Amino acid sequence: MPDLLSAAAEPNRRRILQLLASGPHTVTEVAANFPVTRSAISQHLGVLAEVGLVTHRKQGRQRFYEVLPDGMARLRAEMDRFWTDELAQFTADAHALPHRTFTDWERPT
């Protein structure tokens, strides 16, 4: 099972999430926005459903997919946690560098 971040990181899946943010769409409606097969879109939707970012409901012969607000909230929390951790590490690395003044950077080596 893919993790939440890697599922959402794939460009086609990100675009699918953007489309579904405007409301429910059928697989055919989603696929009309991509240069890939309807089957490929179904697979992407399956991955997004597996990690809890989208859900579907069946109406007649069609399936309507839509984003899950709870899943999107979890994705947002993961992104916030990622950036907080990464920025904290960046700051720690920057503070660990030897102190240099601006003129130190201008001197030829």
PDB file of N, CA and C in Angstrom:
ATOM      1  N   MET A   1       0.844  -1.189   0.000  1.00  0.00           N
ATOM      2  CA  MET A   1       0.000   0.000   0.000  1.00  0.00           C
ATOM      3  C   MET A   1       0.881   1.241   0.000  1.00  0.00           C
ATOM      4  N   PRO A   2       0.648   2.158  -0.940  1.00  0.00           N
ATOM      5  CA  PRO A   2       1.444   3.386  -0.966  1.00  0.00           C
ATOM      6  C   PRO A   2       1.088   4.281   0.209  1.00  0.00           C
ATOM      7  N   ASP A   3       2.045   5.118   0.602  1.00  0.00           N
ATOM      8  CA  ASP A   3       1.741   6.056   1.678  1.00  0.00           C
ATOM      9  C   ASP A   3       1.052   7.289   1.091  1.00  0.00           C
ATOM     10  N   LEU A   4       0.490   8.062   1.966  1.00  0.00           N
ATOM     11  CA  LEU A   4      -0.308   9.224   1.579  1.00  0.00           C
ATOM     12  C   LEU A   4       0.473  10.208   0.712  1.00  0.00           C
ATOM     13  N   LEU A   5       1.692  10.543   1.139  1.00  0.00           N
ATOM     14  CA  LEU A   5       2.486  11.527   0.392  1.00  0.00           C
ATOM     15  C   LEU A   5       2.884  11.025  -0.983  1.00  0.00           C
ATOM     16  N   SER A   6       3.323   9.780  -1.078  1.00  0.00           N
ATOM     17  CA  SER A   6       3.740   9.276  -2.392  1.00  0.00           C
ATOM     18  C   SER A   6       2.540   9.116  -3.321  1.00  0.00           C
ATOM     19  N   ALA A   7       1.384   8.764  -2.778  1.00  0.00           N
ATOM     20  CA  ALA A   7       0.186   8.658  -3.615  1.00  0.00           C
ATOM     21  C   ALA A   7      -0.179  10.020  -4.202  1.00  0.00           C
ATOM     22  N   ALA A   8      -0.120  11.056  -3.390  1.00  0.00           N
ATOM     23  CA  ALA A   8      -0.485  12.395  -3.846  1.00  0.00           C
ATOM     24  C   ALA A   8       0.631  13.073  -4.642  1.00  0.00           C
ATOM     25  N   ALA A   9       1.843  12.561  -4.544  1.00  0.00           N
ATOM     26  CA  ALA A   9       2.978  13.196  -5.221  1.00  0.00           C
ATOM     27  C   ALA A   9       2.985  12.946  -6.727  1.00  0.00           C
ATOM     28  N   GLU A  10       2.361  11.878  -7.162  1.00  0.00           N
ATOM     29  CA  GLU A  10       2.363  11.550  -8.593  1.00  0.00           C
ATOM     30  C   GLU A  10       1.572  12.626  -9.344  1.00  0.00           C
ATOM     31  N   PRO A  11       2.142  13.219 -10.403  1.00  0.00           N
ATOM     32  CA  PRO A  11       1.513  14.362 -11.074  1.00  0.00           C
ATOM     33  C   PRO A  11       0.076  14.122 -11.560  1.00  0.00           C
ATOM     34  N   ASN A  12      -0.199  12.974 -12.142  1.00  0.00           N
ATOM     35  CA  ASN A  12      -1.563  12.709 -12.609  1.00  0.00           C
ATOM     36  C   ASN A  12      -2.539  12.650 -11.435  1.00  0.00           C
ATOM     37  N   ARG A  13      -2.111  12.075 -10.344  1.00  0.00           N
ATOM     38  CA  ARG A  13      -2.990  11.983  -9.177  1.00  0.00           C
ATOM     39  C   ARG A  13      -3.234  13.356  -8.560  1.00  0.00           C
ATOM     40  N   ARG A  14      -2.198  14.199  -8.545  1.00  0.00           N
ATOM     41  CA  ARG A  14      -2.406  15.561  -8.047  1.00  0.00           C
ATOM     42  C   ARG A  14      -3.445  16.286  -8.892  1.00  0.00           C
ATOM     43  N   ARG A  15      -3.342  16.137 -10.196  1.00  0.00           N
ATOM     44  CA  ARG A  15      -4.313  16.779 -11.108  1.00  0.00           C
ATOM     45  C   ARG A  15      -5.708  16.210 -10.890  1.00  0.00           C
ATOM     46  N   ILE A  16      -5.806  14.909 -10.659  1.00  0.00           N
ATOM     47  CA  ILE A  16      -7.105  14.283 -10.375  1.00  0.00           C
ATOM     48  C   ILE A  16      -7.701  14.903  -9.111  1.00  0.00           C
ATOM     49  N   LEU A  17      -6.887  15.047  -8.074  1.00  0.00           N
ATOM     50  CA  LEU A  17      -7.377  15.663  -6.839  1.00  0.00           C
ATOM     51  C   LEU A  17      -7.860  17.088  -7.087  1.00  0.00           C
ATOM     52  N   GLN A  18      -7.139  17.829  -7.923  1.00  0.00           N
ATOM     53  CA  GLN A  18      -7.559  19.188  -8.253  1.00  0.00           C
ATOM     54  C   GLN A  18      -8.913  19.185  -8.963  1.00  0.00           C
ATOM     55  N   LEU A  19      -9.091  18.262  -9.891  1.00  0.00           N
ATOM     56  CA  LEU A  19     -10.373  18.165 -10.598  1.00  0.00           C
ATOM     57  C   LEU A  19     -11.513  17.807  -9.653  1.00  0.00           C
ATOM     58  N   LEU A  20     -11.261  16.834  -8.790  1.00  0.00           N
ATOM     59  CA  LEU A  20     -12.308  16.381  -7.877  1.00  0.00           C
ATOM     60  C   LEU A  20     -12.616  17.400  -6.787  1.00  0.00           C
ATOM     61  N   ALA A  21     -11.725  18.338  -6.560  1.00  0.00           N
ATOM     62  CA  ALA A  21     -11.967  19.375  -5.555  1.00  0.00           C
ATOM     63  C   ALA A  21     -13.179  20.228  -5.936  1.00  0.00           C
ATOM     64  N   SER A  22     -13.498  20.289  -7.221  1.00  0.00           N
ATOM     65  CA  SER A  22     -14.651  21.082  -7.668  1.00  0.00           C
ATOM     66  C   SER A  22     -15.961  20.330  -7.535  1.00  0.00           C
ATOM     67  N   GLY A  23     -15.890  19.039  -7.219  1.00  0.00           N
ATOM     68  CA  GLY A  23     -17.101  18.246  -7.051  1.00  0.00           C
ATOM     69  C   GLY A  23     -16.928  16.861  -7.652  1.00  0.00           C
ATOM     70  N   PRO A  24     -17.913  16.000  -7.441  1.00  0.00           N
ATOM     71  CA  PRO A  24     -17.828  14.626  -7.941  1.00  0.00           C
ATOM     72  C   PRO A  24     -17.741  14.560  -9.469  1.00  0.00           C
ATOM     73  N   HIS A  25     -16.960  13.597  -9.939  1.00  0.00           N
ATOM     74  CA  HIS A  25     -16.805  13.348 -11.376  1.00  0.00           C
ATOM     75  C   HIS A  25     -16.814  11.844 -11.617  1.00  0.00           C
ATOM     76  N   THR A  26     -17.264  11.467 -12.796  1.00  0.00           N
ATOM     77  CA  THR A  26     -17.160  10.068 -13.203  1.00  0.00           C
ATOM     78  C   THR A  26     -15.740   9.811 -13.702  1.00  0.00           C
ATOM     79  N   VAL A  27     -15.394   8.544 -13.821  1.00  0.00           N
ATOM     80  CA  VAL A  27     -14.079   8.182 -14.367  1.00  0.00           C
ATOM     81  C   VAL A  27     -13.932   8.757 -15.771  1.00  0.00           C
ATOM     82  N   THR A  28     -14.995   8.681 -16.562  1.00  0.00           N
ATOM     83  CA  THR A  28     -14.950   9.191 -17.930  1.00  0.00           C
ATOM     84  C   THR A  28     -14.701  10.695 -17.942  1.00  0.00           C
ATOM     85  N   GLU A  29     -15.358  11.421 -17.058  1.00  0.00           N
ATOM     86  CA  GLU A  29     -15.153  12.876 -16.985  1.00  0.00           C
ATOM     87  C   GLU A  29     -13.724  13.204 -16.584  1.00  0.00           C
ATOM     88  N   VAL A  30     -13.190  12.465 -15.631  1.00  0.00           N
ATOM     89  CA  VAL A  30     -11.809  12.691 -15.205  1.00  0.00           C
ATOM     90  C   VAL A  30     -10.859  12.354 -16.347  1.00  0.00           C
ATOM     91  N   ALA A  31     -11.076  11.209 -16.983  1.00  0.00           N
ATOM     92  CA  ALA A  31     -10.181  10.748 -18.049  1.00  0.00           C
ATOM     93  C   ALA A  31     -10.144  11.707 -19.231  1.00  0.00           C
ATOM     94  N   ALA A  32     -11.234  12.445 -19.457  1.00  0.00           N
ATOM     95  CA  ALA A  32     -11.275  13.394 -20.573  1.00  0.00           C
ATOM     96  C   ALA A  32     -10.245  14.505 -20.430  1.00  0.00           C
ATOM     97  N   ASN A  33      -9.683  14.665 -19.239  1.00  0.00           N
ATOM     98  CA  ASN A  33      -8.694  15.720 -18.977  1.00  0.00           C
ATOM     99  C   ASN A  33      -7.253  15.238 -19.073  1.00  0.00           C
ATOM    100  N   PHE A  34      -7.061  13.978 -19.496  1.00  0.00           N
ATOM    101  CA  PHE A  34      -5.723  13.390 -19.516  1.00  0.00           C
ATOM    102  C   PHE A  34      -5.460  12.685 -20.836  1.00  0.00           C
ATOM    103  N   PRO A  35      -4.170  12.637 -21.215  1.00  0.00           N
ATOM    104  CA  PRO A  35      -3.816  11.922 -22.442  1.00  0.00           C
ATOM    105  C   PRO A  35      -3.528  10.431 -22.183  1.00  0.00           C
ATOM    106  N   VAL A  36      -4.129   9.877 -21.144  1.00  0.00           N
ATOM    107  CA  VAL A  36      -3.927   8.459 -20.821  1.00  0.00           C
ATOM    108  C   VAL A  36      -5.280   7.744 -20.898  1.00  0.00           C
ATOM    109  N   THR A  37      -5.258   6.440 -20.829  1.00  0.00           N
ATOM    110  CA  THR A  37      -6.485   5.669 -20.966  1.00  0.00           C
ATOM    111  C   THR A  37      -7.382   5.795 -19.741  1.00  0.00           C
ATOM    112  N   ARG A  38      -8.637   5.484 -19.949  1.00  0.00           N
ATOM    113  CA  ARG A  38      -9.604   5.464 -18.849  1.00  0.00           C
ATOM    114  C   ARG A  38      -9.176   4.442 -17.806  1.00  0.00           C
ATOM    115  N   SER A  39      -8.597   3.345 -18.257  1.00  0.00           N
ATOM    116  CA  SER A  39      -8.107   2.306 -17.347  1.00  0.00           C
ATOM    117  C   SER A  39      -6.993   2.844 -16.447  1.00  0.00           C
ATOM    118  N   ALA A  40      -6.095   3.639 -17.015  1.00  0.00           N
ATOM    119  CA  ALA A  40      -5.014   4.235 -16.220  1.00  0.00           C
ATOM    120  C   ALA A  40      -5.587   5.180 -15.169  1.00  0.00           C
ATOM    121  N   ILE A  41      -6.600   5.953 -15.549  1.00  0.00           N
ATOM    122  CA  ILE A  41      -7.235   6.862 -14.591  1.00  0.00           C
ATOM    123  C   ILE A  41      -7.910   6.061 -13.484  1.00  0.00           C
ATOM    124  N   SER A  42      -8.547   4.959 -13.844  1.00  0.00           N
ATOM    125  CA  SER A  42      -9.177   4.096 -12.832  1.00  0.00           C
ATOM    126  C   SER A  42      -8.141   3.577 -11.843  1.00  0.00           C
ATOM    127  N   GLN A  43      -6.967   3.223 -12.341  1.00  0.00           N
ATOM    128  CA  GLN A  43      -5.897   2.753 -11.454  1.00  0.00           C
ATOM    129  C   GLN A  43      -5.441   3.871 -10.520  1.00  0.00           C
ATOM    130  N   HIS A  44      -5.285   5.077 -11.046  1.00  0.00           N
ATOM    131  CA  HIS A  44      -4.903   6.217 -10.206  1.00  0.00           C
ATOM    132  C   HIS A  44      -5.966   6.484  -9.138  1.00  0.00           C
ATOM    133  N   LEU A  45      -7.220   6.440  -9.542  1.00  0.00           N
ATOM    134  CA  LEU A  45      -8.312   6.643  -8.585  1.00  0.00           C
ATOM    135  C   LEU A  45      -8.307   5.548  -7.522  1.00  0.00           C
ATOM    136  N   GLY A  46      -7.966   4.331  -7.923  1.00  0.00           N
ATOM    137  CA  GLY A  46      -7.873   3.232  -6.969  1.00  0.00           C
ATOM    138  C   GLY A  46      -6.798   3.481  -5.916  1.00  0.00           C
ATOM    139  N   VAL A  47      -5.657   4.007  -6.341  1.00  0.00           N
ATOM    140  CA  VAL A  47      -4.575   4.324  -5.397  1.00  0.00           C
ATOM    141  C   VAL A  47      -5.025   5.432  -4.450  1.00  0.00           C
ATOM    142  N   LEU A  48      -5.660   6.462  -4.996  1.00  0.00           N
ATOM    143  CA  LEU A  48      -6.133   7.562  -4.157  1.00  0.00           C
ATOM    144  C   LEU A  48      -7.199   7.091  -3.164  1.00  0.00           C
ATOM    145  N   ALA A  49      -8.033   6.161  -3.586  1.00  0.00           N
ATOM    146  CA  ALA A  49      -9.039   5.601  -2.684  1.00  0.00           C
ATOM    147  C   ALA A  49      -8.389   4.729  -1.618  1.00  0.00           C
ATOM    148  N   GLU A  50      -7.374   3.982  -2.012  1.00  0.00           N
ATOM    149  CA  GLU A  50      -6.675   3.083  -1.080  1.00  0.00           C
ATOM    150  C   GLU A  50      -6.043   3.840   0.088  1.00  0.00           C
ATOM    151  N   VAL A  51      -5.544   5.046  -0.175  1.00  0.00           N
ATOM    152  CA  VAL A  51      -4.917   5.835   0.891  1.00  0.00           C
ATOM    153  C   VAL A  51      -5.912   6.772   1.579  1.00  0.00           C
ATOM    154  N   GLY A  52      -7.166   6.740   1.144  1.00  0.00           N
ATOM    155  CA  GLY A  52      -8.202   7.510   1.820  1.00  0.00           C
ATOM    156  C   GLY A  52      -8.356   8.947   1.373  1.00  0.00           C
ATOM    157  N   LEU A  53      -7.911   9.268   0.153  1.00  0.00           N
ATOM    158  CA  LEU A  53      -8.055  10.640  -0.343  1.00  0.00           C
ATOM    159  C   LEU A  53      -9.335  10.841  -1.145  1.00  0.00           C
ATOM    160  N   VAL A  54      -9.848   9.772  -1.747  1.00  0.00           N
ATOM    161  CA  VAL A  54     -11.100   9.865  -2.509  1.00  0.00           C
ATOM    162  C   VAL A  54     -12.001   8.692  -2.157  1.00  0.00           C
ATOM    163  N   THR A  55     -13.248   8.856  -2.490  1.00  0.00           N
ATOM    164  CA  THR A  55     -14.229   7.785  -2.349  1.00  0.00           C
ATOM    165  C   THR A  55     -15.106   7.807  -3.589  1.00  0.00           C
ATOM    166  N   HIS A  56     -15.921   6.786  -3.740  1.00  0.00           N
ATOM    167  CA  HIS A  56     -16.833   6.762  -4.876  1.00  0.00           C
ATOM    168  C   HIS A  56     -18.196   6.246  -4.437  1.00  0.00           C
ATOM    169  N   ARG A  57     -19.176   6.619  -5.245  1.00  0.00           N
ATOM    170  CA  ARG A  57     -20.509   6.073  -5.069  1.00  0.00           C
ATOM    171  C   ARG A  57     -20.999   5.635  -6.440  1.00  0.00           C
ATOM    172  N   LYS A  58     -21.735   4.564  -6.431  1.00  0.00           N
ATOM    173  CA  LYS A  58     -22.246   4.035  -7.684  1.00  0.00           C
ATOM    174  C   LYS A  58     -23.652   4.566  -7.912  1.00  0.00           C
ATOM    175  N   GLN A  59     -23.867   5.039  -9.131  1.00  0.00           N
ATOM    176  CA  GLN A  59     -25.183   5.522  -9.528  1.00  0.00           C
ATOM    177  C   GLN A  59     -25.470   4.924 -10.902  1.00  0.00           C
ATOM    178  N   GLY A  60     -26.314   3.943 -10.913  1.00  0.00           N
ATOM    179  CA  GLY A  60     -26.553   3.222 -12.165  1.00  0.00           C
ATOM    180  C   GLY A  60     -25.292   2.485 -12.572  1.00  0.00           C
ATOM    181  N   ARG A  61     -24.854   2.710 -13.787  1.00  0.00           N
ATOM    182  CA  ARG A  61     -23.631   2.060 -14.268  1.00  0.00           C
ATOM    183  C   ARG A  61     -22.386   2.905 -14.050  1.00  0.00           C
ATOM    184  N   GLN A  62     -22.552   4.089 -13.495  1.00  0.00           N
ATOM    185  CA  GLN A  62     -21.417   4.985 -13.324  1.00  0.00           C
ATOM    186  C   GLN A  62     -20.972   5.052 -11.870  1.00  0.00           C
ATOM    187  N   ARG A  63     -19.685   5.338 -11.719  1.00  0.00           N
ATOM    188  CA  ARG A  63     -19.118   5.604 -10.403  1.00  0.00           C
ATOM    189  C   ARG A  63     -18.721   7.063 -10.369  1.00  0.00           C
ATOM    190  N   PHE A  64     -19.154   7.734  -9.338  1.00  0.00           N
ATOM    191  CA  PHE A  64     -18.791   9.132  -9.132  1.00  0.00           C
ATOM    192  C   PHE A  64     -17.747   9.192  -8.018  1.00  0.00           C
ATOM    193  N   TYR A  65     -16.607   9.774  -8.343  1.00  0.00           N
ATOM    194  CA  TYR A  65     -15.519   9.919  -7.375  1.00  0.00           C
ATOM    195  C   TYR A  65     -15.521  11.325  -6.813  1.00  0.00           C
ATOM    196  N   GLU A  66     -15.164  11.429  -5.537  1.00  0.00           N
ATOM    197  CA  GLU A  66     -15.039  12.732  -4.895  1.00  0.00           C
ATOM    198  C   GLU A  66     -13.964  12.664  -3.818  1.00  0.00           C
ATOM    199  N   VAL A  67     -13.426  13.833  -3.486  1.00  0.00           N
ATOM    200  CA  VAL A  67     -12.389  13.881  -2.446  1.00  0.00           C
ATOM    201  C   VAL A  67     -13.024  13.653  -1.085  1.00  0.00           C
ATOM    202  N   LEU A  68     -12.241  13.089  -0.199  1.00  0.00           N
ATOM    203  CA  LEU A  68     -12.652  12.897   1.188  1.00  0.00           C
ATOM    204  C   LEU A  68     -12.018  14.003   2.029  1.00  0.00           C
ATOM    205  N   PRO A  69     -12.825  14.858   2.633  1.00  0.00           N
ATOM    206  CA  PRO A  69     -12.259  15.958   3.430  1.00  0.00           C
ATOM    207  C   PRO A  69     -11.307  15.467   4.522  1.00  0.00           C
ATOM    208  N   ASP A  70     -11.633  14.370   5.187  1.00  0.00           N
ATOM    209  CA  ASP A  70     -10.740  13.847   6.227  1.00  0.00           C
ATOM    210  C   ASP A  70      -9.398  13.411   5.640  1.00  0.00           C
ATOM    211  N   GLY A  71      -9.438  12.803   4.471  1.00  0.00           N
ATOM    212  CA  GLY A  71      -8.199  12.383   3.817  1.00  0.00           C
ATOM    213  C   GLY A  71      -7.350  13.571   3.423  1.00  0.00           C
ATOM    214  N   MET A  72      -8.000  14.618   2.910  1.00  0.00           N
ATOM    215  CA  MET A  72      -7.259  15.818   2.533  1.00  0.00           C
ATOM    216  C   MET A  72      -6.677  16.503   3.764  1.00  0.00           C
ATOM    217  N   ALA A  73      -7.393  16.451   4.871  1.00  0.00           N
ATOM    218  CA  ALA A  73      -6.874  17.025   6.121  1.00  0.00           C
ATOM    219  C   ALA A  73      -5.647  16.248   6.590  1.00  0.00           C
ATOM    220  N   ARG A  74      -5.687  14.920   6.439  1.00  0.00           N
ATOM    221  CA  ARG A  74      -4.516  14.108   6.811  1.00  0.00           C
ATOM    222  C   ARG A  74      -3.333  14.427   5.906  1.00  0.00           C
ATOM    223  N   LEU A  75      -3.598  14.624   4.609  1.00  0.00           N
ATOM    224  CA  LEU A  75      -2.529  14.988   3.666  1.00  0.00           C
ATOM    225  C   LEU A  75      -1.933  16.334   4.057  1.00  0.00           C
ATOM    226  N   ARG A  76      -2.770  17.274   4.391  1.00  0.00           N
ATOM    227  CA  ARG A  76      -2.292  18.602   4.810  1.00  0.00           C
ATOM    228  C   ARG A  76      -1.423  18.490   6.064  1.00  0.00           C
ATOM    229  N   ALA A  77      -1.856  17.680   7.016  1.00  0.00           N
ATOM    230  CA  ALA A  77      -1.081  17.485   8.249  1.00  0.00           C
ATOM    231  C   ALA A  77       0.271  16.850   7.943  1.00  0.00           C
ATOM    232  N   GLU A  78       0.292  15.884   7.026  1.00  0.00           N
ATOM    233  CA  GLU A  78       1.561  15.254   6.629  1.00  0.00           C
ATOM    234  C   GLU A  78       2.488  16.276   5.983  1.00  0.00           C
ATOM    235  N   MET A  79       1.938  17.121   5.106  1.00  0.00           N
ATOM    236  CA  MET A  79       2.750  18.146   4.448  1.00  0.00           C
ATOM    237  C   MET A  79       3.286  19.146   5.473  1.00  0.00           C
ATOM    238  N   ASP A  80       2.435  19.559   6.398  1.00  0.00           N
ATOM    239  CA  ASP A  80       2.873  20.495   7.433  1.00  0.00           C
ATOM    240  C   ASP A  80       3.976  19.879   8.281  1.00  0.00           C
ATOM    241  N   ARG A  81       3.814  18.621   8.638  1.00  0.00           N
ATOM    242  CA  ARG A  81       4.819  17.932   9.451  1.00  0.00           C
ATOM    243  C   ARG A  81       6.132  17.798   8.673  1.00  0.00           C
ATOM    244  N   PHE A  82       6.029  17.460   7.397  1.00  0.00           N
ATOM    245  CA  PHE A  82       7.215  17.328   6.550  1.00  0.00           C
ATOM    246  C   PHE A  82       7.979  18.642   6.496  1.00  0.00           C
ATOM    247  N   TRP A  83       7.277  19.746   6.193  1.00  0.00           N
ATOM    248  CA  TRP A  83       7.962  21.022   6.066  1.00  0.00           C
ATOM    249  C   TRP A  83       8.498  21.516   7.391  1.00  0.00           C
ATOM    250  N   THR A  84       7.792  21.265   8.473  1.00  0.00           N
ATOM    251  CA  THR A  84       8.289  21.666   9.785  1.00  0.00           C
ATOM    252  C   THR A  84       9.585  20.926  10.094  1.00  0.00           C
ATOM    253  N   ASP A  85       9.604  19.622   9.884  1.00  0.00           N
ATOM    254  CA  ASP A  85      10.799  18.820  10.147  1.00  0.00           C
ATOM    255  C   ASP A  85      11.951  19.225   9.229  1.00  0.00           C
ATOM    256  N   GLU A  86      11.656  19.412   7.942  1.00  0.00           N
ATOM    257  CA  GLU A  86      12.700  19.772   6.985  1.00  0.00           C
ATOM    258  C   GLU A  86      13.274  21.155   7.282  1.00  0.00           C
ATOM    259  N   LEU A  87      12.415  22.098   7.585  1.00  0.00           N
ATOM    260  CA  LEU A  87      12.906  23.450   7.903  1.00  0.00           C
ATOM    261  C   LEU A  87      13.699  23.466   9.198  1.00  0.00           C
ATOM    262  N   ALA A  88      13.278  22.673  10.170  1.00  0.00           N
ATOM    263  CA  ALA A  88      14.029  22.587  11.424  1.00  0.00           C
ATOM    264  C   ALA A  88      15.429  22.025  11.160  1.00  0.00           C
ATOM    265  N   GLN A  89      15.524  21.012  10.311  1.00  0.00           N
ATOM    266  CA  GLN A  89      16.827  20.434   9.978  1.00  0.00           C
ATOM    267  C   GLN A  89      17.683  21.431   9.205  1.00  0.00           C
ATOM    268  N   PHE A  90      17.083  22.166   8.277  1.00  0.00           N
ATOM    269  CA  PHE A  90      17.794  23.176   7.502  1.00  0.00           C
ATOM    270  C   PHE A  90      18.365  24.248   8.433  1.00  0.00           C
ATOM    271  N   THR A  91      17.547  24.701   9.384  1.00  0.00           N
ATOM    272  CA  THR A  91      17.988  25.715  10.344  1.00  0.00           C
ATOM    273  C   THR A  91      19.135  25.187  11.200  1.00  0.00           C
ATOM    274  N   ALA A  92      19.006  23.952  11.660  1.00  0.00           N
ATOM    275  CA  ALA A  92      20.074  23.355  12.476  1.00  0.00           C
ATOM    276  C   ALA A  92      21.364  23.245  11.669  1.00  0.00           C
ATOM    277  N   ASP A  93      21.253  22.836  10.411  1.00  0.00           N
ATOM    278  CA  ASP A  93      22.438  22.735   9.552  1.00  0.00           C
ATOM    279  C   ASP A  93      23.074  24.107   9.330  1.00  0.00           C
ATOM    280  N   ALA A  94      22.240  25.121   9.130  1.00  0.00           N
ATOM    281  CA  ALA A  94      22.760  26.471   8.910  1.00  0.00           C
ATOM    282  C   ALA A  94      23.482  26.992  10.145  1.00  0.00           C
ATOM    283  N   HIS A  95      22.928  26.717  11.318  1.00  0.00           N
ATOM    284  CA  HIS A  95      23.571  27.166  12.557  1.00  0.00           C
ATOM    285  C   HIS A  95      24.870  26.408  12.826  1.00  0.00           C
ATOM    286  N   ALA A  96      25.008  25.224  12.289  1.00  0.00           N
ATOM    287  CA  ALA A  96      26.214  24.422  12.504  1.00  0.00           C
ATOM    288  C   ALA A  96      27.372  24.874  11.609  1.00  0.00           C
ATOM    289  N   LEU A  97      27.082  25.672  10.584  1.00  0.00           N
ATOM    290  CA  LEU A  97      28.142  26.157   9.698  1.00  0.00           C
ATOM    291  C   LEU A  97      29.017  27.155  10.455  1.00  0.00           C
ATOM    292  N   PRO A  98      30.297  27.227  10.091  1.00  0.00           N
ATOM    293  CA  PRO A  98      31.154  28.220  10.733  1.00  0.00           C
ATOM    294  C   PRO A  98      30.639  29.626  10.423  1.00  0.00           C
ATOM    295  N   HIS A  99      30.755  30.499  11.397  1.00  0.00           N
ATOM    296  CA  HIS A  99      30.295  31.873  11.213  1.00  0.00           C
ATOM    297  C   HIS A  99      31.193  32.579  10.213  1.00  0.00           C
ATOM    298  N   ARG A 100      30.592  33.167   9.211  1.00  0.00           N
ATOM    299  CA  ARG A 100      31.346  33.909   8.208  1.00  0.00           C
ATOM    300  C   ARG A 100      30.664  35.247   7.989  1.00  0.00           C
ATOM    301  N   THR A 101      31.456  36.260   7.765  1.00  0.00           N
ATOM    302  CA  THR A 101      30.894  37.574   7.467  1.00  0.00           C
ATOM    303  C   THR A 101      30.726  37.699   5.968  1.00  0.00           C
ATOM    304  N   PHE A 102      30.010  38.719   5.558  1.00  0.00           N
ATOM    305  CA  PHE A 102      29.787  38.953   4.148  1.00  0.00           C
ATOM    306  C   PHE A 102      31.111  39.134   3.405  1.00  0.00           C
ATOM    307  N   THR A 103      32.063  39.829   4.025  1.00  0.00           N
ATOM    308  CA  THR A 103      33.344  40.061   3.344  1.00  0.00           C
ATOM    309  C   THR A 103      34.133  38.765   3.195  1.00  0.00           C
ATOM    310  N   ASP A 104      33.904  37.786   4.081  1.00  0.00           N
ATOM    311  CA  ASP A 104      34.574  36.479   3.918  1.00  0.00           C
ATOM    312  C   ASP A 104      34.167  35.835   2.590  1.00  0.00           C
ATOM    313  N   TRP A 105      32.952  36.036   2.171  1.00  0.00           N
ATOM    314  CA  TRP A 105      32.455  35.422   0.946  1.00  0.00           C
ATOM    315  C   TRP A 105      33.031  36.132  -0.283  1.00  0.00           C
ATOM    316  N   GLU A 106      33.460  37.393  -0.137  1.00  0.00           N
ATOM    317  CA  GLU A 106      33.965  38.147  -1.271  1.00  0.00           C
ATOM    318  C   GLU A 106      35.445  37.919  -1.513  1.00  0.00           C
ATOM    319  N   ARG A 107      36.158  37.440  -0.524  1.00  0.00           N
ATOM    320  CA  ARG A 107      37.603  37.244  -0.672  1.00  0.00           C
ATOM    321  C   ARG A 107      37.890  36.096  -1.634  1.00  0.00           C
ATOM    322  N   PRO A 108      38.874  36.316  -2.525  1.00  0.00           N
ATOM    323  CA  PRO A 108      39.278  35.199  -3.407  1.00  0.00           C
ATOM    324  C   PRO A 108      39.959  34.112  -2.576  1.00  0.00           C
ATOM    325  N   THR A 109      39.768  32.901  -3.002  1.00  0.00           N
ATOM    326  CA  THR A 109      40.399  31.789  -2.284  1.00  0.00           C
ATOM    327  C   THR A 109      41.680  31.361  -2.905  1.00  0.00           C
TER     328      THR A 109
END
